[in-house]
PDB file of all heavy atoms in Angstrom:
ATOM      1  N   GLN A   1       3.915  37.672  13.799  1.00  0.00           N
ATOM      2  CA  GLN A   1       4.665  38.116  12.637  1.00  0.00           C
ATOM      3  C   GLN A   1       5.588  37.001  12.149  1.00  0.00           C
ATOM      4  O   GLN A   1       6.239  36.318  12.932  1.00  0.00           O
ATOM      5  CB  GLN A   1       5.499  39.352  12.996  1.00  0.00           C
ATOM      6  CG  GLN A   1       6.311  39.917  11.857  1.00  0.00           C
ATOM      7  CD  GLN A   1       5.429  40.551  10.792  1.00  0.00           C
ATOM      8  OE1 GLN A   1       4.368  41.080  11.102  1.00  0.00           O
ATOM      9  NE2 GLN A   1       5.870  40.493   9.554  1.00  0.00           N
ATOM     10  N   LEU A   2       5.640  36.795  10.832  1.00  0.00           N
ATOM     11  CA  LEU A   2       6.507  35.773  10.254  1.00  0.00           C
ATOM     12  C   LEU A   2       7.966  36.188  10.361  1.00  0.00           C
ATOM     13  O   LEU A   2       8.302  37.379  10.325  1.00  0.00           O
ATOM     14  CB  LEU A   2       6.149  35.559   8.780  1.00  0.00           C
ATOM     15  CG  LEU A   2       4.758  34.980   8.494  1.00  0.00           C
ATOM     16  CD1 LEU A   2       4.480  35.026   6.995  1.00  0.00           C
ATOM     17  CD2 LEU A   2       4.641  33.549   9.005  1.00  0.00           C
ATOM     18  N   ARG A   3       8.852  35.196  10.470  1.00  0.00           N
ATOM     19  CA  ARG A   3      10.281  35.489  10.549  1.00  0.00           C
ATOM     20  C   ARG A   3      10.797  35.973   9.197  1.00  0.00           C
ATOM     21  O   ARG A   3      10.197  35.730   8.148  1.00  0.00           O
ATOM     22  CB  ARG A   3      11.053  34.242  10.981  1.00  0.00           C
ATOM     23  CG  ARG A   3      11.166  33.162   9.914  1.00  0.00           C
ATOM     24  CD  ARG A   3      12.162  32.092  10.342  1.00  0.00           C
ATOM     25  NE  ARG A   3      12.271  31.026   9.352  1.00  0.00           N
ATOM     26  CZ  ARG A   3      13.093  31.076   8.300  1.00  0.00           C
ATOM     27  NH1 ARG A   3      13.854  32.134   8.095  1.00  0.00           N
ATOM     28  NH2 ARG A   3      13.144  30.058   7.439  1.00  0.00           N
ATOM     29  N   TYR A   4      11.951  36.623   9.234  1.00  0.00           N
ATOM     30  CA  TYR A   4      12.588  37.105   8.007  1.00  0.00           C
ATOM     31  C   TYR A   4      13.189  35.932   7.238  1.00  0.00           C
ATOM     32  O   TYR A   4      13.851  35.063   7.817  1.00  0.00           O
ATOM     33  CB  TYR A   4      13.664  38.132   8.344  1.00  0.00           C
ATOM     34  CG  TYR A   4      14.506  38.538   7.143  1.00  0.00           C
ATOM     35  CD1 TYR A   4      14.006  39.404   6.182  1.00  0.00           C
ATOM     36  CD2 TYR A   4      15.798  38.036   6.982  1.00  0.00           C
ATOM     37  CE1 TYR A   4      14.766  39.770   5.086  1.00  0.00           C
ATOM     38  CE2 TYR A   4      16.568  38.396   5.882  1.00  0.00           C
ATOM     39  CZ  TYR A   4      16.043  39.262   4.946  1.00  0.00           C
ATOM     40  OH  TYR A   4      16.799  39.620   3.858  1.00  0.00           O
ATOM     41  N   VAL A   5      12.950  35.895   5.932  1.00  0.00           N
ATOM     42  CA  VAL A   5      13.504  34.846   5.074  1.00  0.00           C
ATOM     43  C   VAL A   5      14.595  35.478   4.219  1.00  0.00           C
ATOM     44  O   VAL A   5      14.350  36.453   3.501  1.00  0.00           O
ATOM     45  CB  VAL A   5      12.415  34.211   4.179  1.00  0.00           C
ATOM     46  CG1 VAL A   5      13.022  33.144   3.274  1.00  0.00           C
ATOM     47  CG2 VAL A   5      11.310  33.613   5.032  1.00  0.00           C
ATOM     48  N   SER A   6      15.795  34.915   4.284  1.00  0.00           N
ATOM     49  CA  SER A   6      16.929  35.499   3.578  1.00  0.00           C
ATOM     50  C   SER A   6      16.830  35.268   2.072  1.00  0.00           C
ATOM     51  O   SER A   6      16.127  34.367   1.602  1.00  0.00           O
ATOM     52  CB  SER A   6      18.239  34.906   4.106  1.00  0.00           C
ATOM     53  OG  SER A   6      18.339  33.526   3.756  1.00  0.00           O
ATOM     54  N   LYS A   7      17.598  36.058   1.337  1.00  0.00           N
ATOM     55  CA  LYS A   7      17.634  35.919  -0.119  1.00  0.00           C
ATOM     56  C   LYS A   7      18.204  34.565  -0.510  1.00  0.00           C
ATOM     57  O   LYS A   7      17.749  33.950  -1.485  1.00  0.00           O
ATOM     58  CB  LYS A   7      18.457  37.049  -0.720  1.00  0.00           C
ATOM     59  CG  LYS A   7      18.522  37.026  -2.248  1.00  0.00           C
ATOM     60  CD  LYS A   7      19.289  38.210  -2.801  1.00  0.00           C
ATOM     61  CE  LYS A   7      19.330  38.174  -4.325  1.00  0.00           C
ATOM     62  NZ  LYS A   7      20.062  39.341  -4.877  1.00  0.00           N
ATOM     63  N   ARG A   8      19.187  34.072   0.243  1.00  0.00           N
ATOM     64  CA  ARG A   8      19.776  32.782  -0.069  1.00  0.00           C
ATOM     65  C   ARG A   8      18.733  31.672   0.026  1.00  0.00           C
ATOM     66  O   ARG A   8      18.678  30.781  -0.824  1.00  0.00           O
ATOM     67  CB  ARG A   8      20.946  32.496   0.879  1.00  0.00           C
ATOM     68  CG  ARG A   8      21.585  31.124   0.659  1.00  0.00           C
ATOM     69  CD  ARG A   8      22.756  30.904   1.592  1.00  0.00           C
ATOM     70  NE  ARG A   8      23.821  31.879   1.329  1.00  0.00           N
ATOM     71  CZ  ARG A   8      24.963  31.945   2.036  1.00  0.00           C
ATOM     72  NH1 ARG A   8      25.153  31.104   3.055  1.00  0.00           N
ATOM     73  NH2 ARG A   8      25.875  32.843   1.732  1.00  0.00           N
ATOM     74  N   GLU A   9      17.901  31.716   1.045  1.00  0.00           N
ATOM     75  CA  GLU A   9      16.851  30.710   1.205  1.00  0.00           C
ATOM     76  C   GLU A   9      15.890  30.752   0.014  1.00  0.00           C
ATOM     77  O   GLU A   9      15.475  29.706  -0.506  1.00  0.00           O
ATOM     78  CB  GLU A   9      16.077  30.956   2.500  1.00  0.00           C
ATOM     79  CG  GLU A   9      16.824  30.618   3.768  1.00  0.00           C
ATOM     80  CD  GLU A   9      16.001  30.933   5.003  1.00  0.00           C
ATOM     81  OE1 GLU A   9      15.899  32.123   5.367  1.00  0.00           O
ATOM     82  OE2 GLU A   9      15.439  29.986   5.595  1.00  0.00           O
ATOM     83  N   LYS A  10      15.533  31.966  -0.405  1.00  0.00           N
ATOM     84  CA  LYS A  10      14.569  32.101  -1.511  1.00  0.00           C
ATOM     85  C   LYS A  10      15.163  31.629  -2.838  1.00  0.00           C
ATOM     86  O   LYS A  10      14.416  31.136  -3.700  1.00  0.00           O
ATOM     87  CB  LYS A  10      14.111  33.561  -1.625  1.00  0.00           C
ATOM     88  CG  LYS A  10      13.253  34.018  -0.457  1.00  0.00           C
ATOM     89  CD  LYS A  10      12.746  35.436  -0.676  1.00  0.00           C
ATOM     90  CE  LYS A  10      11.825  35.874   0.456  1.00  0.00           C
ATOM     91  NZ  LYS A  10      11.272  37.245   0.249  1.00  0.00           N
ATOM     92  N   ILE A  11      16.481  31.767  -3.011  1.00  0.00           N
ATOM     93  CA  ILE A  11      17.117  31.284  -4.242  1.00  0.00           C
ATOM     94  C   ILE A  11      17.244  29.764  -4.214  1.00  0.00           C
ATOM     95  O   ILE A  11      17.014  29.083  -5.229  1.00  0.00           O
ATOM     96  CB  ILE A  11      18.492  31.948  -4.429  1.00  0.00           C
ATOM     97  CG1 ILE A  11      18.326  33.446  -4.705  1.00  0.00           C
ATOM     98  CG2 ILE A  11      19.268  31.289  -5.571  1.00  0.00           C
ATOM     99  CD1 ILE A  11      19.632  34.206  -4.787  1.00  0.00           C
ATOM    100  N   LEU A  12      17.608  29.226  -3.055  1.00  0.00           N
ATOM    101  CA  LEU A  12      17.801  27.781  -2.950  1.00  0.00           C
ATOM    102  C   LEU A  12      16.485  27.012  -3.049  1.00  0.00           C
ATOM    103  O   LEU A  12      16.459  25.870  -3.539  1.00  0.00           O
ATOM    104  CB  LEU A  12      18.498  27.436  -1.627  1.00  0.00           C
ATOM    105  CG  LEU A  12      19.989  27.801  -1.539  1.00  0.00           C
ATOM    106  CD1 LEU A  12      20.517  27.497  -0.143  1.00  0.00           C
ATOM    107  CD2 LEU A  12      20.780  27.025  -2.585  1.00  0.00           C
ATOM    108  N   PHE A  13      15.387  27.619  -2.611  1.00  0.00           N
ATOM    109  CA  PHE A  13      14.116  26.895  -2.574  1.00  0.00           C
ATOM    110  C   PHE A  13      13.694  26.369  -3.943  1.00  0.00           C
ATOM    111  O   PHE A  13      13.422  25.163  -4.092  1.00  0.00           O
ATOM    112  CB  PHE A  13      13.017  27.783  -1.976  1.00  0.00           C
ATOM    113  CG  PHE A  13      11.672  27.118  -1.921  1.00  0.00           C
ATOM    114  CD1 PHE A  13      11.378  26.186  -0.946  1.00  0.00           C
ATOM    115  CD2 PHE A  13      10.692  27.421  -2.868  1.00  0.00           C
ATOM    116  CE1 PHE A  13      10.139  25.562  -0.899  1.00  0.00           C
ATOM    117  CE2 PHE A  13       9.464  26.806  -2.831  1.00  0.00           C
ATOM    118  CZ  PHE A  13       9.184  25.870  -1.844  1.00  0.00           C
ATOM    119  N   PRO A  14      13.599  27.202  -5.002  1.00  0.00           N
ATOM    120  CA  PRO A  14      13.185  26.651  -6.304  1.00  0.00           C
ATOM    121  C   PRO A  14      14.158  25.613  -6.845  1.00  0.00           C
ATOM    122  O   PRO A  14      13.742  24.646  -7.495  1.00  0.00           O
ATOM    123  CB  PRO A  14      13.118  27.880  -7.213  1.00  0.00           C
ATOM    124  CG  PRO A  14      13.919  28.931  -6.547  1.00  0.00           C
ATOM    125  CD  PRO A  14      13.810  28.653  -5.082  1.00  0.00           C
ATOM    126  N   VAL A  15      15.458  25.792  -6.576  1.00  0.00           N
ATOM    127  CA  VAL A  15      16.434  24.814  -7.058  1.00  0.00           C
ATOM    128  C   VAL A  15      16.216  23.465  -6.378  1.00  0.00           C
ATOM    129  O   VAL A  15      16.209  22.410  -7.031  1.00  0.00           O
ATOM    130  CB  VAL A  15      17.867  25.327  -6.805  1.00  0.00           C
ATOM    131  CG1 VAL A  15      18.893  24.268  -7.212  1.00  0.00           C
ATOM    132  CG2 VAL A  15      18.118  26.625  -7.566  1.00  0.00           C
ATOM    133  N   ILE A  16      16.022  23.486  -5.082  1.00  0.00           N
ATOM    134  CA  ILE A  16      15.806  22.241  -4.326  1.00  0.00           C
ATOM    135  C   ILE A  16      14.520  21.560  -4.770  1.00  0.00           C
ATOM    136  O   ILE A  16      14.470  20.332  -4.939  1.00  0.00           O
ATOM    137  CB  ILE A  16      15.779  22.542  -2.811  1.00  0.00           C
ATOM    138  CG1 ILE A  16      17.163  22.997  -2.340  1.00  0.00           C
ATOM    139  CG2 ILE A  16      15.330  21.310  -2.032  1.00  0.00           C
ATOM    140  CD1 ILE A  16      17.178  23.499  -0.905  1.00  0.00           C
ATOM    141  N   VAL A  17      13.466  22.346  -4.981  1.00  0.00           N
ATOM    142  CA  VAL A  17      12.191  21.763  -5.397  1.00  0.00           C
ATOM    143  C   VAL A  17      12.316  21.091  -6.762  1.00  0.00           C
ATOM    144  O   VAL A  17      11.798  19.982  -6.981  1.00  0.00           O
ATOM    145  CB  VAL A  17      11.082  22.839  -5.426  1.00  0.00           C
ATOM    146  CG1 VAL A  17       9.805  22.283  -6.069  1.00  0.00           C
ATOM    147  CG2 VAL A  17      10.773  23.315  -4.017  1.00  0.00           C
ATOM    148  N   ILE A  18      13.011  21.714  -7.702  1.00  0.00           N
ATOM    149  CA  ILE A  18      13.192  21.116  -9.032  1.00  0.00           C
ATOM    150  C   ILE A  18      13.983  19.816  -8.924  1.00  0.00           C
ATOM    151  O   ILE A  18      13.659  18.815  -9.577  1.00  0.00           O
ATOM    152  CB  ILE A  18      13.894  22.111  -9.977  1.00  0.00           C
ATOM    153  CG1 ILE A  18      12.959  23.272 -10.312  1.00  0.00           C
ATOM    154  CG2 ILE A  18      14.335  21.417 -11.264  1.00  0.00           C
ATOM    155  CD1 ILE A  18      13.586  24.351 -11.163  1.00  0.00           C
ATOM    156  N   VAL A  19      15.036  19.806  -8.101  1.00  0.00           N
ATOM    157  CA  VAL A  19      15.840  18.592  -7.930  1.00  0.00           C
ATOM    158  C   VAL A  19      14.989  17.465  -7.345  1.00  0.00           C
ATOM    159  O   VAL A  19      15.025  16.317  -7.820  1.00  0.00           O
ATOM    160  CB  VAL A  19      17.061  18.868  -7.037  1.00  0.00           C
ATOM    161  CG1 VAL A  19      17.781  17.564  -6.687  1.00  0.00           C
ATOM    162  CG2 VAL A  19      18.017  19.822  -7.739  1.00  0.00           C
ATOM    163  N   LEU A  20      14.212  17.767  -6.315  1.00  0.00           N
ATOM    164  CA  LEU A  20      13.347  16.746  -5.708  1.00  0.00           C
ATOM    165  C   LEU A  20      12.311  16.240  -6.704  1.00  0.00           C
ATOM    166  O   LEU A  20      12.006  15.042  -6.755  1.00  0.00           O
ATOM    167  CB  LEU A  20      12.656  17.329  -4.474  1.00  0.00           C
ATOM    168  CG  LEU A  20      13.556  17.617  -3.269  1.00  0.00           C
ATOM    169  CD1 LEU A  20      12.758  18.291  -2.156  1.00  0.00           C
ATOM    170  CD2 LEU A  20      14.193  16.329  -2.757  1.00  0.00           C
ATOM    171  N   CYS A  21      11.754  17.162  -7.502  1.00  0.00           N
ATOM    172  CA  CYS A  21      10.767  16.767  -8.513  1.00  0.00           C
ATOM    173  C   CYS A  21      11.399  15.841  -9.542  1.00  0.00           C
ATOM    174  O   CYS A  21      10.804  14.824  -9.932  1.00  0.00           O
ATOM    175  CB  CYS A  21      10.189  18.007  -9.190  1.00  0.00           C
ATOM    176  SG  CYS A  21       9.011  17.665 -10.497  1.00  0.00           S
ATOM    177  N   ALA A  22      12.613  16.167  -9.971  1.00  0.00           N
ATOM    178  CA  ALA A  22      13.301  15.335 -10.965  1.00  0.00           C
ATOM    179  C   ALA A  22      13.588  13.945 -10.417  1.00  0.00           C
ATOM    180  O   ALA A  22      13.526  12.944 -11.148  1.00  0.00           O
ATOM    181  CB  ALA A  22      14.596  16.014 -11.398  1.00  0.00           C
ATOM    182  N   LEU A  23      13.891  13.856  -9.128  1.00  0.00           N
ATOM    183  CA  LEU A  23      14.230  12.566  -8.536  1.00  0.00           C
ATOM    184  C   LEU A  23      13.003  11.728  -8.185  1.00  0.00           C
ATOM    185  O   LEU A  23      13.016  10.503  -8.323  1.00  0.00           O
ATOM    186  CB  LEU A  23      15.072  12.789  -7.265  1.00  0.00           C
ATOM    187  CG  LEU A  23      16.469  13.411  -7.474  1.00  0.00           C
ATOM    188  CD1 LEU A  23      17.120  13.684  -6.122  1.00  0.00           C
ATOM    189  CD2 LEU A  23      17.333  12.501  -8.332  1.00  0.00           C
ATOM    190  N   LEU A  24      11.930  12.399  -7.732  1.00  0.00           N
ATOM    191  CA  LEU A  24      10.789  11.670  -7.188  1.00  0.00           C
ATOM    192  C   LEU A  24       9.573  11.625  -8.106  1.00  0.00           C
ATOM    193  O   LEU A  24       8.850  10.623  -8.127  1.00  0.00           O
ATOM    194  CB  LEU A  24      10.379  12.296  -5.837  1.00  0.00           C
ATOM    195  CG  LEU A  24      11.463  12.335  -4.761  1.00  0.00           C
ATOM    196  CD1 LEU A  24      10.944  13.042  -3.516  1.00  0.00           C
ATOM    197  CD2 LEU A  24      11.935  10.928  -4.418  1.00  0.00           C
ATOM    198  N   LEU A  25       9.304  12.702  -8.852  1.00  0.00           N
ATOM    199  CA  LEU A  25       8.084  12.757  -9.655  1.00  0.00           C
ATOM    200  C   LEU A  25       8.341  13.498 -10.963  1.00  0.00           C
ATOM    201  O   LEU A  25       7.873  14.619 -11.157  1.00  0.00           O
ATOM    202  CB  LEU A  25       6.972  13.458  -8.850  1.00  0.00           C
ATOM    203  CG  LEU A  25       5.532  13.288  -9.357  1.00  0.00           C
ATOM    204  CD1 LEU A  25       5.112  11.832  -9.349  1.00  0.00           C
ATOM    205  CD2 LEU A  25       4.579  14.117  -8.504  1.00  0.00           C
ATOM    206  N   PRO A  26       9.066  12.893 -11.879  1.00  0.00           N
ATOM    207  CA  PRO A  26       9.392  13.591 -13.144  1.00  0.00           C
ATOM    208  C   PRO A  26       8.175  13.988 -13.963  1.00  0.00           C
ATOM    209  O   PRO A  26       8.239  14.949 -14.726  1.00  0.00           O
ATOM    210  CB  PRO A  26      10.241  12.550 -13.892  1.00  0.00           C
ATOM    211  CG  PRO A  26      10.740  11.609 -12.853  1.00  0.00           C
ATOM    212  CD  PRO A  26       9.690  11.566 -11.793  1.00  0.00           C
ATOM    213  N   SER A  27       7.060  13.276 -13.804  1.00  0.00           N
ATOM    214  CA  SER A  27       5.869  13.601 -14.596  1.00  0.00           C
ATOM    215  C   SER A  27       5.325  14.986 -14.271  1.00  0.00           C
ATOM    216  O   SER A  27       4.607  15.580 -15.083  1.00  0.00           O
ATOM    217  CB  SER A  27       4.779  12.545 -14.375  1.00  0.00           C
ATOM    218  OG  SER A  27       4.468  12.423 -12.995  1.00  0.00           O
ATOM    219  N   ALA A  28       5.645  15.509 -13.080  1.00  0.00           N
ATOM    220  CA  ALA A  28       5.187  16.849 -12.709  1.00  0.00           C
ATOM    221  C   ALA A  28       6.206  17.920 -13.065  1.00  0.00           C
ATOM    222  O   ALA A  28       5.977  19.102 -12.801  1.00  0.00           O
ATOM    223  CB  ALA A  28       4.895  16.909 -11.206  1.00  0.00           C
ATOM    224  N   ALA A  29       7.320  17.515 -13.676  1.00  0.00           N
ATOM    225  CA  ALA A  29       8.405  18.458 -13.962  1.00  0.00           C
ATOM    226  C   ALA A  29       7.995  19.623 -14.856  1.00  0.00           C
ATOM    227  O   ALA A  29       8.455  20.757 -14.628  1.00  0.00           O
ATOM    228  CB  ALA A  29       9.594  17.715 -14.566  1.00  0.00           C
ATOM    229  N   PRO A  30       7.165  19.425 -15.896  1.00  0.00           N
ATOM    230  CA  PRO A  30       6.794  20.598 -16.709  1.00  0.00           C
ATOM    231  C   PRO A  30       6.133  21.711 -15.893  1.00  0.00           C
ATOM    232  O   PRO A  30       6.495  22.884 -16.017  1.00  0.00           O
ATOM    233  CB  PRO A  30       5.835  20.012 -17.750  1.00  0.00           C
ATOM    234  CG  PRO A  30       6.228  18.585 -17.869  1.00  0.00           C
ATOM    235  CD  PRO A  30       6.635  18.177 -16.482  1.00  0.00           C
ATOM    236  N   LEU A  31       5.160  21.344 -15.051  1.00  0.00           N
ATOM    237  CA  LEU A  31       4.452  22.345 -14.255  1.00  0.00           C
ATOM    238  C   LEU A  31       5.353  22.938 -13.179  1.00  0.00           C
ATOM    239  O   LEU A  31       5.519  24.158 -13.082  1.00  0.00           O
ATOM    240  CB  LEU A  31       3.206  21.718 -13.624  1.00  0.00           C
ATOM    241  CG  LEU A  31       2.067  21.351 -14.581  1.00  0.00           C
ATOM    242  CD1 LEU A  31       1.053  20.461 -13.883  1.00  0.00           C
ATOM    243  CD2 LEU A  31       1.392  22.607 -15.105  1.00  0.00           C
ATOM    244  N   ILE A  32       5.934  22.074 -12.355  1.00  0.00           N
ATOM    245  CA  ILE A  32       6.761  22.560 -11.254  1.00  0.00           C
ATOM    246  C   ILE A  32       8.012  23.239 -11.793  1.00  0.00           C
ATOM    247  O   ILE A  32       8.480  24.253 -11.247  1.00  0.00           O
ATOM    248  CB  ILE A  32       7.105  21.395 -10.308  1.00  0.00           C
ATOM    249  CG1 ILE A  32       5.840  20.936  -9.573  1.00  0.00           C
ATOM    250  CG2 ILE A  32       8.180  21.803  -9.301  1.00  0.00           C
ATOM    251  CD1 ILE A  32       6.059  19.816  -8.585  1.00  0.00           C
ATOM    252  N   GLY A  33       8.575  22.707 -12.876  1.00  0.00           N
ATOM    253  CA  GLY A  33       9.774  23.305 -13.451  1.00  0.00           C
ATOM    254  C   GLY A  33       9.550  24.730 -13.915  1.00  0.00           C
ATOM    255  O   GLY A  33      10.362  25.629 -13.626  1.00  0.00           O
ATOM    256  N   PHE A  34       8.457  24.986 -14.635  1.00  0.00           N
ATOM    257  CA  PHE A  34       8.178  26.351 -15.097  1.00  0.00           C
ATOM    258  C   PHE A  34       7.835  27.266 -13.928  1.00  0.00           C
ATOM    259  O   PHE A  34       8.195  28.446 -13.927  1.00  0.00           O
ATOM    260  CB  PHE A  34       7.039  26.335 -16.119  1.00  0.00           C
ATOM    261  CG  PHE A  34       7.499  26.155 -17.534  1.00  0.00           C
ATOM    262  CD1 PHE A  34       7.986  24.936 -17.975  1.00  0.00           C
ATOM    263  CD2 PHE A  34       7.473  27.206 -18.437  1.00  0.00           C
ATOM    264  CE1 PHE A  34       8.427  24.764 -19.275  1.00  0.00           C
ATOM    265  CE2 PHE A  34       7.918  27.059 -19.736  1.00  0.00           C
ATOM    266  CZ  PHE A  34       8.397  25.834 -20.160  1.00  0.00           C
ATOM    267  N   LEU A  35       7.116  26.733 -12.930  1.00  0.00           N
ATOM    268  CA  LEU A  35       6.785  27.542 -11.755  1.00  0.00           C
ATOM    269  C   LEU A  35       8.056  27.978 -11.033  1.00  0.00           C
ATOM    270  O   LEU A  35       8.219  29.161 -10.688  1.00  0.00           O
ATOM    271  CB  LEU A  35       5.892  26.724 -10.815  1.00  0.00           C
ATOM    272  CG  LEU A  35       5.476  27.405  -9.511  1.00  0.00           C
ATOM    273  CD1 LEU A  35       4.489  28.530  -9.784  1.00  0.00           C
ATOM    274  CD2 LEU A  35       4.855  26.382  -8.556  1.00  0.00           C
ATOM    275  N   MET A  36       8.963  27.046 -10.819  1.00  0.00           N
ATOM    276  CA  MET A  36      10.195  27.365 -10.096  1.00  0.00           C
ATOM    277  C   MET A  36      11.160  28.197 -10.938  1.00  0.00           C
ATOM    278  O   MET A  36      11.903  29.016 -10.409  1.00  0.00           O
ATOM    279  CB  MET A  36      10.860  26.069  -9.626  1.00  0.00           C
ATOM    280  CG  MET A  36      10.033  25.322  -8.595  1.00  0.00           C
ATOM    281  SD  MET A  36       9.667  26.360  -7.151  1.00  0.00           S
ATOM    282  CE  MET A  36       8.212  25.548  -6.490  1.00  0.00           C
ATOM    283  N   PHE A  37      11.149  27.993 -12.239  1.00  0.00           N
ATOM    284  CA  PHE A  37      11.985  28.820 -13.111  1.00  0.00           C
ATOM    285  C   PHE A  37      11.560  30.282 -13.026  1.00  0.00           C
ATOM    286  O   PHE A  37      12.400  31.198 -12.911  1.00  0.00           O
ATOM    287  CB  PHE A  37      11.902  28.315 -14.546  1.00  0.00           C
ATOM    288  CG  PHE A  37      12.570  29.209 -15.549  1.00  0.00           C
ATOM    289  CD1 PHE A  37      13.894  29.599 -15.394  1.00  0.00           C
ATOM    290  CD2 PHE A  37      11.870  29.683 -16.648  1.00  0.00           C
ATOM    291  CE1 PHE A  37      14.511  30.438 -16.317  1.00  0.00           C
ATOM    292  CE2 PHE A  37      12.486  30.521 -17.579  1.00  0.00           C
ATOM    293  CZ  PHE A  37      13.812  30.901 -17.411  1.00  0.00           C
ATOM    294  N   GLY A  38      10.253  30.517 -13.083  1.00  0.00           N
ATOM    295  CA  GLY A  38       9.760  31.888 -12.943  1.00  0.00           C
ATOM    296  C   GLY A  38      10.138  32.489 -11.606  1.00  0.00           C
ATOM    297  O   GLY A  38      10.547  33.656 -11.512  1.00  0.00           O
ATOM    298  N   ASN A  39      10.038  31.688 -10.533  1.00  0.00           N
ATOM    299  CA  ASN A  39      10.380  32.191  -9.204  1.00  0.00           C
ATOM    300  C   ASN A  39      11.875  32.450  -9.076  1.00  0.00           C
ATOM    301  O   ASN A  39      12.293  33.426  -8.435  1.00  0.00           O
ATOM    302  CB  ASN A  39       9.928  31.193  -8.142  1.00  0.00           C
ATOM    303  CG  ASN A  39      10.120  31.708  -6.733  1.00  0.00           C
ATOM    304  OD1 ASN A  39      10.969  31.243  -5.999  1.00  0.00           O
ATOM    305  ND2 ASN A  39       9.328  32.712  -6.354  1.00  0.00           N
ATOM    306  N   LEU A  40      12.699  31.598  -9.687  1.00  0.00           N
ATOM    307  CA  LEU A  40      14.144  31.797  -9.629  1.00  0.00           C
ATOM    308  C   LEU A  40      14.541  33.090 -10.330  1.00  0.00           C
ATOM    309  O   LEU A  40      15.427  33.824  -9.857  1.00  0.00           O
ATOM    310  CB  LEU A  40      14.851  30.602 -10.268  1.00  0.00           C
ATOM    311  CG  LEU A  40      16.383  30.615 -10.226  1.00  0.00           C
ATOM    312  CD1 LEU A  40      16.880  30.613  -8.782  1.00  0.00           C
ATOM    313  CD2 LEU A  40      16.951  29.431 -10.990  1.00  0.00           C
TER     314      LEU A  40
END
């Protein structure tokens, strides 16, 4: 059985991914940005 994932972790995940995308691979920002925005 998978461990419980808190709400805080789920909120922070899309924010962290967008920040990393902006810093490392901006060309993927449209796709990843909209994906993470929907998840947020």
